[in-house]
Amino acid sequence: AEALCRLVVNGMLEKKATNVVVMDLRNVKNAITDYFVICSGNSDTQIDAIATSVEEEVYKANEISAWHKEGKQNKEWILIDYVD
């Protein structure tokens, strides 16, 4: 999970994402995930590029595709969910 988290952050930073926050939830009782990573972008084009970069980084390193994706159509917010 830590390695996957680093790949996600690298994908975000590759496209100059801002306000990158990594929340480590491993010690939170009943948490449904180990990490929650969020970031901001300045435009819908950049947000789409960030999401694509994250997917490419993770796939290049581990050949893992996202388990679930949402928001790609609107590009205001995008959720990419990976299961490790």
Protein backbone atom coordinates (compact mmCIF):
# COMPACT_ATOMS: atom_id res chain seq x y z
CA ALA A 1 0.00 0.00 0.00
CA GLU A 2 2.86 2.39 0.74
CA ALA A 3 4.47 1.79 -2.65
CA LEU A 4 1.13 2.31 -4.39
CA CYS A 5 0.66 5.54 -2.46
CA ARG A 6 4.07 6.80 -3.60
CA LEU A 7 3.21 6.01 -7.23
CA VAL A 8 -0.04 7.95 -6.95
CA VAL A 9 1.77 10.97 -5.51
CA ASN A 10 4.45 10.78 -8.23
CA GLY A 11 1.75 10.72 -10.89
CA MET A 12 0.14 13.79 -9.36
CA LEU A 13 3.39 15.72 -9.07
CA GLU A 14 4.36 14.81 -12.64
CA LYS A 15 1.51 17.08 -13.81
CA LYS A 16 2.18 19.79 -11.21
CA ALA A 17 -0.74 19.00 -8.91
CA THR A 18 -1.04 21.37 -5.96
CA ASN A 19 -2.07 20.85 -2.34
CA VAL A 20 -1.13 17.15 -2.38
CA VAL A 21 -2.25 15.57 0.89
CA VAL A 22 -1.57 11.97 1.93
CA MET A 23 -3.76 10.74 4.77
CA ASP A 24 -2.45 7.61 6.48
CA LEU A 25 -5.53 5.84 7.81
CA ARG A 26 -3.90 2.56 8.81
CA ASN A 27 -4.36 3.28 12.51
CA VAL A 28 -7.95 4.49 12.19
CA LYS A 29 -10.36 1.90 13.51
CA ASN A 30 -12.75 0.54 10.85
CA ALA A 31 -11.12 2.58 8.06
CA ILE A 32 -11.94 1.14 4.66
CA THR A 33 -8.58 2.13 3.18
CA ASP A 34 -4.93 2.43 4.19
CA TYR A 35 -4.30 5.74 2.43
CA PHE A 36 -6.37 8.55 1.01
CA VAL A 37 -4.51 10.87 -1.37
CA ILE A 38 -6.00 14.12 -2.65
CA CYS A 39 -4.72 17.03 -4.69
CA SER A 40 -5.87 20.10 -6.59
CA GLY A 41 -5.50 21.29 -10.15
CA ASN A 42 -6.03 24.67 -11.77
CA SER A 43 -8.29 23.66 -14.66
CA ASP A 44 -10.40 20.78 -15.90
CA THR A 45 -7.63 20.03 -18.43
CA GLN A 46 -5.02 19.78 -15.69
CA ILE A 47 -7.29 17.67 -13.49
CA ASP A 48 -7.79 15.24 -16.36
CA ALA A 49 -4.02 15.17 -17.03
CA ILE A 50 -3.30 14.48 -13.35
CA ALA A 51 -5.74 11.55 -13.30
CA THR A 52 -4.26 10.12 -16.50
CA SER A 53 -0.74 10.50 -15.12
CA VAL A 54 -1.67 8.67 -11.91
CA GLU A 55 -3.17 5.80 -13.88
CA GLU A 56 -0.10 5.60 -16.14
CA GLU A 57 2.38 5.67 -13.23
CA VAL A 58 0.61 2.88 -11.38
CA TYR A 59 0.17 0.76 -14.49
CA LYS A 60 3.80 1.18 -15.61
CA ALA A 61 5.13 0.08 -12.24
CA ASN A 62 2.68 -2.68 -11.30
CA GLU A 63 0.39 -3.35 -14.26
CA ILE A 64 -2.53 -2.57 -11.96
CA SER A 65 -5.60 -0.81 -13.32
CA ALA A 66 -7.96 1.21 -11.17
CA TRP A 67 -10.67 -0.80 -9.46
CA HIS A 68 -13.16 2.06 -9.77
CA LYS A 69 -13.18 5.52 -11.40
CA GLU A 70 -15.65 8.39 -11.21
CA GLY A 71 -15.88 11.98 -12.40
CA LYS A 72 -13.81 11.76 -15.59
CA GLN A 73 -16.72 13.10 -17.65
CA ASN A 74 -17.09 16.37 -15.70
CA LYS A 75 -13.39 16.82 -14.87
CA GLU A 76 -14.29 18.95 -11.83
CA TRP A 77 -13.22 16.14 -9.51
CA ILE A 78 -11.97 12.67 -10.31
CA LEU A 79 -11.92 9.63 -8.03
CA ILE A 80 -9.54 6.77 -8.78
CA ASP A 81 -9.81 3.79 -6.45
CA TYR A 82 -7.09 1.15 -6.28
CA VAL A 83 -7.36 -2.12 -4.38
CA ASP A 84 -4.06 -3.46 -3.11
